[in-house]
């Protein structure tokens, strides 16, 4: 079976084009954010910069986060971690959870800052408290390994469960490993199978391999029950 995985690369959120309400005028900031989101989705970096920068400079937290996101990725400009951190910090000061998550990633990887896993954990905690599932998953991995915070299998279980219940597939995979290994919880192969199935349903190929490893330990009735539990499972807000 694979090792526990922690998300520390890539972005915290997938951008979506926001639907316009027919006949309802948009506030200028919302309109600008919508145009920026569409531009980002199509790789129109100049338009995205044009729409985001004035909003970010005016204090809009979402625009600040997205502008930092562009500098972090190098979309439309060279990668600039220091400028990314500047805008993430602006957004995080207003409690923007994705920006808090990205600051955690910067400190976890030492991008534009001195690598500091304890500081990364602090930012992940802020993001998790604001509902960011990826940050919850990272805190679970850190608590399990004792990296950046004290080792605590029970805390790892709590964070993985919180993120998995939100539908975050990496946490579902990790939670499956927790139950299969019995780390902080009694071994429960049926629960492991269910969480692996949920992750696999989201396209996780490692979870498919894990299902094949777990299945021989279960009866056909237990597998049927785990499959039924996965089918009826619903993400929590």
C-alpha atoms as a PDB file:
ATOM      1  CA  UNK A   1       0.000   0.000   0.000  1.00  0.00           C
ATOM      2  CA  UNK A   2       1.140   3.551  -0.662  1.00  0.00           C
ATOM      3  CA  UNK A   3       2.411   5.928   2.008  1.00  0.00           C
ATOM      4  CA  UNK A   4       0.320   8.729   3.459  1.00  0.00           C
ATOM      5  CA  UNK A   5       0.219  11.622   1.005  1.00  0.00           C
ATOM      6  CA  UNK A   6       0.101  15.287   1.903  1.00  0.00           C
ATOM      7  CA  UNK A   7      -0.911  18.078  -0.425  1.00  0.00           C
ATOM      8  CA  UNK A   8       1.885  20.682  -0.483  1.00  0.00           C
ATOM      9  CA  UNK A   9       2.060  21.395  -4.180  1.00  0.00           C
ATOM     10  CA  UNK A  10      -0.463  22.885  -6.508  1.00  0.00           C
ATOM     11  CA  UNK A  11      -3.209  25.294  -5.735  1.00  0.00           C
ATOM     12  CA  UNK A  12      -5.777  25.100  -2.940  1.00  0.00           C
ATOM     13  CA  UNK A  13      -8.811  25.661  -5.162  1.00  0.00           C
ATOM     14  CA  UNK A  14     -10.063  25.029  -8.678  1.00  0.00           C
ATOM     15  CA  UNK A  15     -11.308  28.168 -10.415  1.00  0.00           C
ATOM     16  CA  UNK A  16     -14.801  28.105 -11.878  1.00  0.00           C
ATOM     17  CA  UNK A  17     -16.635  30.516 -14.157  1.00  0.00           C
ATOM     18  CA  UNK A  18     -19.400  32.028 -12.078  1.00  0.00           C
ATOM     19  CA  UNK A  19     -22.865  32.011 -13.589  1.00  0.00           C
ATOM     20  CA  UNK A  20     -24.483  35.401 -14.171  1.00  0.00           C
ATOM     21  CA  UNK A  21     -27.995  35.977 -12.897  1.00  0.00           C
ATOM     22  CA  UNK A  22     -30.068  37.095 -15.870  1.00  0.00           C
ATOM     23  CA  UNK A  23     -31.419  40.590 -15.423  1.00  0.00           C
ATOM     24  CA  UNK A  24     -29.627  41.225 -12.115  1.00  0.00           C
ATOM     25  CA  UNK A  25     -26.912  43.910 -12.182  1.00  0.00           C
ATOM     26  CA  UNK A  26     -23.580  42.883 -10.652  1.00  0.00           C
ATOM     27  CA  UNK A  27     -21.568  44.928  -8.223  1.00  0.00           C
ATOM     28  CA  UNK A  28     -18.389  46.275  -9.896  1.00  0.00           C
ATOM     29  CA  UNK A  29     -16.109  44.050  -7.778  1.00  0.00           C
ATOM     30  CA  UNK A  30     -18.175  40.958  -8.517  1.00  0.00           C
ATOM     31  CA  UNK A  31     -18.239  41.745 -12.221  1.00  0.00           C
ATOM     32  CA  UNK A  32     -14.465  42.194 -12.244  1.00  0.00           C
ATOM     33  CA  UNK A  33     -13.956  38.921 -10.396  1.00  0.00           C
ATOM     34  CA  UNK A  34     -16.216  37.110 -12.831  1.00  0.00           C
ATOM     35  CA  UNK A  35     -14.306  38.487 -15.813  1.00  0.00           C
ATOM     36  CA  UNK A  36     -11.019  37.536 -14.137  1.00  0.00           C
ATOM     37  CA  UNK A  37     -12.263  34.002 -13.444  1.00  0.00           C
ATOM     38  CA  UNK A  38     -13.261  33.569 -17.077  1.00  0.00           C
ATOM     39  CA  UNK A  39      -9.923  34.960 -18.242  1.00  0.00           C
ATOM     40  CA  UNK A  40      -8.037  32.609 -15.928  1.00  0.00           C
ATOM     41  CA  UNK A  41     -10.054  29.659 -17.170  1.00  0.00           C
ATOM     42  CA  UNK A  42      -9.036  30.490 -20.748  1.00  0.00           C
ATOM     43  CA  UNK A  43      -5.434  31.479 -20.006  1.00  0.00           C
ATOM     44  CA  UNK A  44      -6.028  35.156 -20.832  1.00  0.00           C
ATOM     45  CA  UNK A  45      -3.471  36.362 -18.318  1.00  0.00           C
ATOM     46  CA  UNK A  46      -3.391  40.034 -19.352  1.00  0.00           C
ATOM     47  CA  UNK A  47      -7.148  40.357 -18.916  1.00  0.00           C
ATOM     48  CA  UNK A  48      -6.965  38.566 -15.562  1.00  0.00           C
ATOM     49  CA  UNK A  49      -4.233  40.926 -14.344  1.00  0.00           C
ATOM     50  CA  UNK A  50      -6.207  43.933 -15.599  1.00  0.00           C
ATOM     51  CA  UNK A  51      -9.304  42.890 -13.687  1.00  0.00           C
ATOM     52  CA  UNK A  52      -7.663  41.594 -10.511  1.00  0.00           C
ATOM     53  CA  UNK A  53      -5.002  44.171  -9.725  1.00  0.00           C
ATOM     54  CA  UNK A  54      -7.247  47.207  -9.069  1.00  0.00           C
ATOM     55  CA  UNK A  55      -9.587  45.061  -6.982  1.00  0.00           C
ATOM     56  CA  UNK A  56      -6.671  43.616  -5.029  1.00  0.00           C
ATOM     57  CA  UNK A  57      -5.205  47.065  -4.432  1.00  0.00           C
ATOM     58  CA  UNK A  58      -8.627  48.225  -3.234  1.00  0.00           C
ATOM     59  CA  UNK A  59      -8.604  45.463  -0.610  1.00  0.00           C
ATOM     60  CA  UNK A  60     -10.744  42.719  -2.173  1.00  0.00           C
ATOM     61  CA  UNK A  61      -9.565  39.487  -0.499  1.00  0.00           C
ATOM     62  CA  UNK A  62     -10.626  37.167  -3.309  1.00  0.00           C
ATOM     63  CA  UNK A  63      -8.805  39.280  -5.892  1.00  0.00           C
ATOM     64  CA  UNK A  64      -5.735  39.395  -3.651  1.00  0.00           C
ATOM     65  CA  UNK A  65      -5.742  35.611  -3.377  1.00  0.00           C
ATOM     66  CA  UNK A  66      -6.160  35.073  -7.111  1.00  0.00           C
ATOM     67  CA  UNK A  67      -3.453  37.593  -7.943  1.00  0.00           C
ATOM     68  CA  UNK A  68      -1.108  35.791  -5.557  1.00  0.00           C
ATOM     69  CA  UNK A  69      -2.146  32.525  -7.187  1.00  0.00           C
ATOM     70  CA  UNK A  70      -1.036  33.864 -10.589  1.00  0.00           C
ATOM     71  CA  UNK A  71       2.373  34.935  -9.281  1.00  0.00           C
ATOM     72  CA  UNK A  72       2.753  31.592  -7.507  1.00  0.00           C
ATOM     73  CA  UNK A  73       2.112  29.672 -10.729  1.00  0.00           C
ATOM     74  CA  UNK A  74       3.837  32.099 -13.064  1.00  0.00           C
ATOM     75  CA  UNK A  75       0.693  32.743 -15.082  1.00  0.00           C
ATOM     76  CA  UNK A  76       1.349  35.733 -17.326  1.00  0.00           C
ATOM     77  CA  UNK A  77       4.595  36.593 -15.548  1.00  0.00           C
ATOM     78  CA  UNK A  78       7.663  34.782 -14.179  1.00  0.00           C
ATOM     79  CA  UNK A  79       7.098  32.828 -10.986  1.00  0.00           C
ATOM     80  CA  UNK A  80       7.513  35.277  -8.107  1.00  0.00           C
ATOM     81  CA  UNK A  81       7.046  33.680  -4.705  1.00  0.00           C
ATOM     82  CA  UNK A  82       7.750  36.880  -2.787  1.00  0.00           C
ATOM     83  CA  UNK A  83       5.013  38.782  -4.615  1.00  0.00           C
ATOM     84  CA  UNK A  84       2.712  35.787  -4.284  1.00  0.00           C
ATOM     85  CA  UNK A  85       3.312  35.795  -0.536  1.00  0.00           C
ATOM     86  CA  UNK A  86       2.604  39.542  -0.386  1.00  0.00           C
ATOM     87  CA  UNK A  87      -0.847  39.104  -1.899  1.00  0.00           C
ATOM     88  CA  UNK A  88      -1.597  35.906   0.009  1.00  0.00           C
ATOM     89  CA  UNK A  89      -0.768  37.705   3.259  1.00  0.00           C
ATOM     90  CA  UNK A  90      -3.084  40.573   2.305  1.00  0.00           C
ATOM     91  CA  UNK A  91      -5.929  38.123   1.656  1.00  0.00           C
ATOM     92  CA  UNK A  92      -5.139  35.985   4.696  1.00  0.00           C
ATOM     93  CA  UNK A  93      -5.314  39.057   6.924  1.00  0.00           C
ATOM     94  CA  UNK A  94      -8.996  39.136   5.959  1.00  0.00           C
ATOM     95  CA  UNK A  95      -9.470  35.430   6.720  1.00  0.00           C
ATOM     96  CA  UNK A  96      -9.413  34.182   3.117  1.00  0.00           C
ATOM     97  CA  UNK A  97      -8.921  30.408   3.630  1.00  0.00           C
ATOM     98  CA  UNK A  98      -7.332  29.597   0.259  1.00  0.00           C
ATOM     99  CA  UNK A  99      -4.713  32.283   0.822  1.00  0.00           C
ATOM    100  CA  UNK A 100      -4.008  30.865   4.288  1.00  0.00           C
ATOM    101  CA  UNK A 101      -3.591  27.451   2.681  1.00  0.00           C
ATOM    102  CA  UNK A 102      -1.162  28.798   0.081  1.00  0.00           C
ATOM    103  CA  UNK A 103       0.917  30.527   2.749  1.00  0.00           C
ATOM    104  CA  UNK A 104       1.166  27.180   4.480  1.00  0.00           C
ATOM    105  CA  UNK A 105       2.438  25.672   1.231  1.00  0.00           C
ATOM    106  CA  UNK A 106       5.027  28.437   0.793  1.00  0.00           C
ATOM    107  CA  UNK A 107       6.441  27.818   4.277  1.00  0.00           C
ATOM    108  CA  UNK A 108       6.251  24.030   3.866  1.00  0.00           C
ATOM    109  CA  UNK A 109       8.307  24.217   0.673  1.00  0.00           C
ATOM    110  CA  UNK A 110      10.497  27.206   1.468  1.00  0.00           C
ATOM    111  CA  UNK A 111       9.266  29.174  -1.524  1.00  0.00           C
ATOM    112  CA  UNK A 112       9.999  32.874  -1.080  1.00  0.00           C
ATOM    113  CA  UNK A 113      10.487  32.279   2.641  1.00  0.00           C
ATOM    114  CA  UNK A 114      12.751  30.265   4.909  1.00  0.00           C
ATOM    115  CA  UNK A 115      11.268  26.779   5.149  1.00  0.00           C
ATOM    116  CA  UNK A 116       9.470  26.450   8.464  1.00  0.00           C
ATOM    117  CA  UNK A 117       7.102  23.525   8.984  1.00  0.00           C
ATOM    118  CA  UNK A 118       5.795  24.866  12.281  1.00  0.00           C
ATOM    119  CA  UNK A 119       4.777  28.113  10.590  1.00  0.00           C
ATOM    120  CA  UNK A 120       3.291  26.086   7.737  1.00  0.00           C
ATOM    121  CA  UNK A 121       1.216  24.157  10.279  1.00  0.00           C
ATOM    122  CA  UNK A 122       0.025  27.419  11.823  1.00  0.00           C
ATOM    123  CA  UNK A 123      -1.245  28.633   8.448  1.00  0.00           C
ATOM    124  CA  UNK A 124      -2.828  25.278   7.681  1.00  0.00           C
ATOM    125  CA  UNK A 125      -4.620  25.461  11.016  1.00  0.00           C
ATOM    126  CA  UNK A 126      -6.023  28.895  10.191  1.00  0.00           C
ATOM    127  CA  UNK A 127      -7.197  27.637   6.795  1.00  0.00           C
ATOM    128  CA  UNK A 128      -8.692  24.487   8.308  1.00  0.00           C
ATOM    129  CA  UNK A 129     -10.578  26.510  10.881  1.00  0.00           C
ATOM    130  CA  UNK A 130     -12.053  28.437   7.958  1.00  0.00           C
ATOM    131  CA  UNK A 131     -13.173  25.196   6.291  1.00  0.00           C
ATOM    132  CA  UNK A 132     -10.326  24.435   3.859  1.00  0.00           C
ATOM    133  CA  UNK A 133     -10.300  20.649   3.370  1.00  0.00           C
ATOM    134  CA  UNK A 134      -6.805  20.485   1.839  1.00  0.00           C
ATOM    135  CA  UNK A 135      -5.408  22.198   4.937  1.00  0.00           C
ATOM    136  CA  UNK A 136      -7.250  19.701   7.149  1.00  0.00           C
ATOM    137  CA  UNK A 137      -5.632  16.878   5.203  1.00  0.00           C
ATOM    138  CA  UNK A 138      -2.185  18.433   5.595  1.00  0.00           C
ATOM    139  CA  UNK A 139      -2.660  18.826   9.324  1.00  0.00           C
ATOM    140  CA  UNK A 140      -3.618  15.165   9.501  1.00  0.00           C
ATOM    141  CA  UNK A 141      -0.445  14.141   7.681  1.00  0.00           C
ATOM    142  CA  UNK A 142       1.686  16.374   9.904  1.00  0.00           C
ATOM    143  CA  UNK A 143       0.081  15.055  13.082  1.00  0.00           C
ATOM    144  CA  UNK A 144       0.571  11.480  11.927  1.00  0.00           C
ATOM    145  CA  UNK A 145       4.248  11.931  11.116  1.00  0.00           C
ATOM    146  CA  UNK A 146       5.087  14.449  13.834  1.00  0.00           C
ATOM    147  CA  UNK A 147       6.273  16.921  11.197  1.00  0.00           C
ATOM    148  CA  UNK A 148       5.760  20.575  12.108  1.00  0.00           C
ATOM    149  CA  UNK A 149       3.622  19.629  15.120  1.00  0.00           C
ATOM    150  CA  UNK A 150       3.668  16.903  17.782  1.00  0.00           C
ATOM    151  CA  UNK A 151       2.898  13.375  16.597  1.00  0.00           C
ATOM    152  CA  UNK A 152      -0.680  12.563  17.555  1.00  0.00           C
ATOM    153  CA  UNK A 153      -2.487   9.728  15.722  1.00  0.00           C
ATOM    154  CA  UNK A 154      -5.814  10.708  17.285  1.00  0.00           C
ATOM    155  CA  UNK A 155      -5.461  14.258  15.955  1.00  0.00           C
ATOM    156  CA  UNK A 156      -4.451  12.884  12.558  1.00  0.00           C
ATOM    157  CA  UNK A 157      -7.607  10.775  12.515  1.00  0.00           C
ATOM    158  CA  UNK A 158      -9.713  13.800  13.419  1.00  0.00           C
ATOM    159  CA  UNK A 159      -8.296  15.988  10.644  1.00  0.00           C
ATOM    160  CA  UNK A 160      -8.396  13.276   7.992  1.00  0.00           C
ATOM    161  CA  UNK A 161     -11.991  12.528   8.908  1.00  0.00           C
ATOM    162  CA  UNK A 162     -12.986  16.191   8.743  1.00  0.00           C
ATOM    163  CA  UNK A 163     -11.426  16.597   5.296  1.00  0.00           C
ATOM    164  CA  UNK A 164     -12.731  13.260   4.008  1.00  0.00           C
ATOM    165  CA  UNK A 165     -16.251  14.146   5.096  1.00  0.00           C
ATOM    166  CA  UNK A 166     -16.008  17.256   2.932  1.00  0.00           C
ATOM    167  CA  UNK A 167     -15.316  15.053  -0.086  1.00  0.00           C
ATOM    168  CA  UNK A 168     -11.558  15.692  -0.316  1.00  0.00           C
ATOM    169  CA  UNK A 169     -10.297  12.564  -2.066  1.00  0.00           C
ATOM    170  CA  UNK A 170      -6.715  12.610  -0.773  1.00  0.00           C
ATOM    171  CA  UNK A 171      -8.040  12.675   2.779  1.00  0.00           C
ATOM    172  CA  UNK A 172     -10.393   9.816   1.925  1.00  0.00           C
ATOM    173  CA  UNK A 173      -7.408   7.831   0.685  1.00  0.00           C
ATOM    174  CA  UNK A 174      -5.401   8.744   3.774  1.00  0.00           C
ATOM    175  CA  UNK A 175      -8.291   7.816   6.044  1.00  0.00           C
ATOM    176  CA  UNK A 176      -8.490   4.450   4.321  1.00  0.00           C
ATOM    177  CA  UNK A 177      -4.826   3.904   5.166  1.00  0.00           C
ATOM    178  CA  UNK A 178      -5.442   4.911   8.766  1.00  0.00           C
ATOM    179  CA  UNK A 179      -8.168   2.284   9.157  1.00  0.00           C
ATOM    180  CA  UNK A 180      -6.181  -0.364   7.276  1.00  0.00           C
ATOM    181  CA  UNK A 181      -3.101   0.195   9.428  1.00  0.00           C
ATOM    182  CA  UNK A 182      -4.904   0.807  12.714  1.00  0.00           C
ATOM    183  CA  UNK A 183      -3.132   4.092  13.435  1.00  0.00           C
ATOM    184  CA  UNK A 184      -5.000   5.924  16.199  1.00  0.00           C
ATOM    185  CA  UNK A 185      -8.004   3.663  15.645  1.00  0.00           C
ATOM    186  CA  UNK A 186      -8.639  -0.112  15.660  1.00  0.00           C
ATOM    187  CA  UNK A 187      -8.010  -1.843  12.343  1.00  0.00           C
ATOM    188  CA  UNK A 188     -11.224  -1.758  10.318  1.00  0.00           C
ATOM    189  CA  UNK A 189     -10.821  -3.131   6.809  1.00  0.00           C
ATOM    190  CA  UNK A 190     -14.448  -2.533   5.898  1.00  0.00           C
ATOM    191  CA  UNK A 191     -14.143   1.156   6.755  1.00  0.00           C
ATOM    192  CA  UNK A 192     -10.821   1.265   4.893  1.00  0.00           C
ATOM    193  CA  UNK A 193     -12.487  -0.259   1.844  1.00  0.00           C
ATOM    194  CA  UNK A 194     -15.299   2.306   1.929  1.00  0.00           C
ATOM    195  CA  UNK A 195     -12.932   5.278   2.110  1.00  0.00           C
ATOM    196  CA  UNK A 196     -10.720   3.843  -0.624  1.00  0.00           C
ATOM    197  CA  UNK A 197     -13.811   3.365  -2.782  1.00  0.00           C
ATOM    198  CA  UNK A 198     -14.837   6.993  -2.312  1.00  0.00           C
ATOM    199  CA  UNK A 199     -11.350   8.171  -3.274  1.00  0.00           C
ATOM    200  CA  UNK A 200     -11.329   5.817  -6.252  1.00  0.00           C
ATOM    201  CA  UNK A 201     -14.691   7.162  -7.382  1.00  0.00           C
ATOM    202  CA  UNK A 202     -12.977  10.555  -7.613  1.00  0.00           C
ATOM    203  CA  UNK A 203     -10.315   9.134  -9.926  1.00  0.00           C
ATOM    204  CA  UNK A 204      -7.602   8.181  -7.425  1.00  0.00           C
ATOM    205  CA  UNK A 205      -5.683   5.277  -8.998  1.00  0.00           C
ATOM    206  CA  UNK A 206      -3.751   4.520  -5.792  1.00  0.00           C
ATOM    207  CA  UNK A 207      -7.083   3.975  -4.074  1.00  0.00           C
ATOM    208  CA  UNK A 208      -8.012   1.390  -6.697  1.00  0.00           C
ATOM    209  CA  UNK A 209      -4.830  -0.513  -5.899  1.00  0.00           C
ATOM    210  CA  UNK A 210      -5.577  -0.216  -2.198  1.00  0.00           C
ATOM    211  CA  UNK A 211      -9.035  -1.709  -2.755  1.00  0.00           C
ATOM    212  CA  UNK A 212      -7.395  -4.714  -4.410  1.00  0.00           C
ATOM    213  CA  UNK A 213      -5.109  -5.092  -1.387  1.00  0.00           C
ATOM    214  CA  UNK A 214      -7.919  -4.817   1.161  1.00  0.00           C
ATOM    215  CA  UNK A 215     -10.602  -6.872  -0.594  1.00  0.00           C
ATOM    216  CA  UNK A 216      -9.054 -10.311   0.163  1.00  0.00           C
ATOM    217  CA  UNK A 217      -9.345  -9.586   3.905  1.00  0.00           C
ATOM    218  CA  UNK A 218     -13.133  -9.140   3.665  1.00  0.00           C
ATOM    219  CA  UNK A 219     -16.058 -11.444   3.040  1.00  0.00           C
ATOM    220  CA  UNK A 220     -18.277 -10.832   0.038  1.00  0.00           C
ATOM    221  CA  UNK A 221     -20.981  -9.618   2.427  1.00  0.00           C
ATOM    222  CA  UNK A 222     -18.581  -7.091   3.984  1.00  0.00           C
ATOM    223  CA  UNK A 223     -17.525  -5.856   0.563  1.00  0.00           C
ATOM    224  CA  UNK A 224     -21.165  -5.436  -0.447  1.00  0.00           C
ATOM    225  CA  UNK A 225     -21.838  -3.484   2.753  1.00  0.00           C
ATOM    226  CA  UNK A 226     -18.812  -1.240   2.178  1.00  0.00           C
ATOM    227  CA  UNK A 227     -19.838  -0.617  -1.437  1.00  0.00           C
ATOM    228  CA  UNK A 228     -23.375   0.253  -0.312  1.00  0.00           C
ATOM    229  CA  UNK A 229     -22.023   2.621   2.352  1.00  0.00           C
ATOM    230  CA  UNK A 230     -19.875   4.372  -0.257  1.00  0.00           C
ATOM    231  CA  UNK A 231     -22.792   4.645  -2.659  1.00  0.00           C
ATOM    232  CA  UNK A 232     -25.067   6.245  -0.050  1.00  0.00           C
ATOM    233  CA  UNK A 233     -22.345   8.507   1.384  1.00  0.00           C
ATOM    234  CA  UNK A 234     -22.812  12.259   1.003  1.00  0.00           C
ATOM    235  CA  UNK A 235     -20.273  15.025   1.556  1.00  0.00           C
ATOM    236  CA  UNK A 236     -20.812  17.407   4.443  1.00  0.00           C
ATOM    237  CA  UNK A 237     -20.663  21.178   3.947  1.00  0.00           C
END
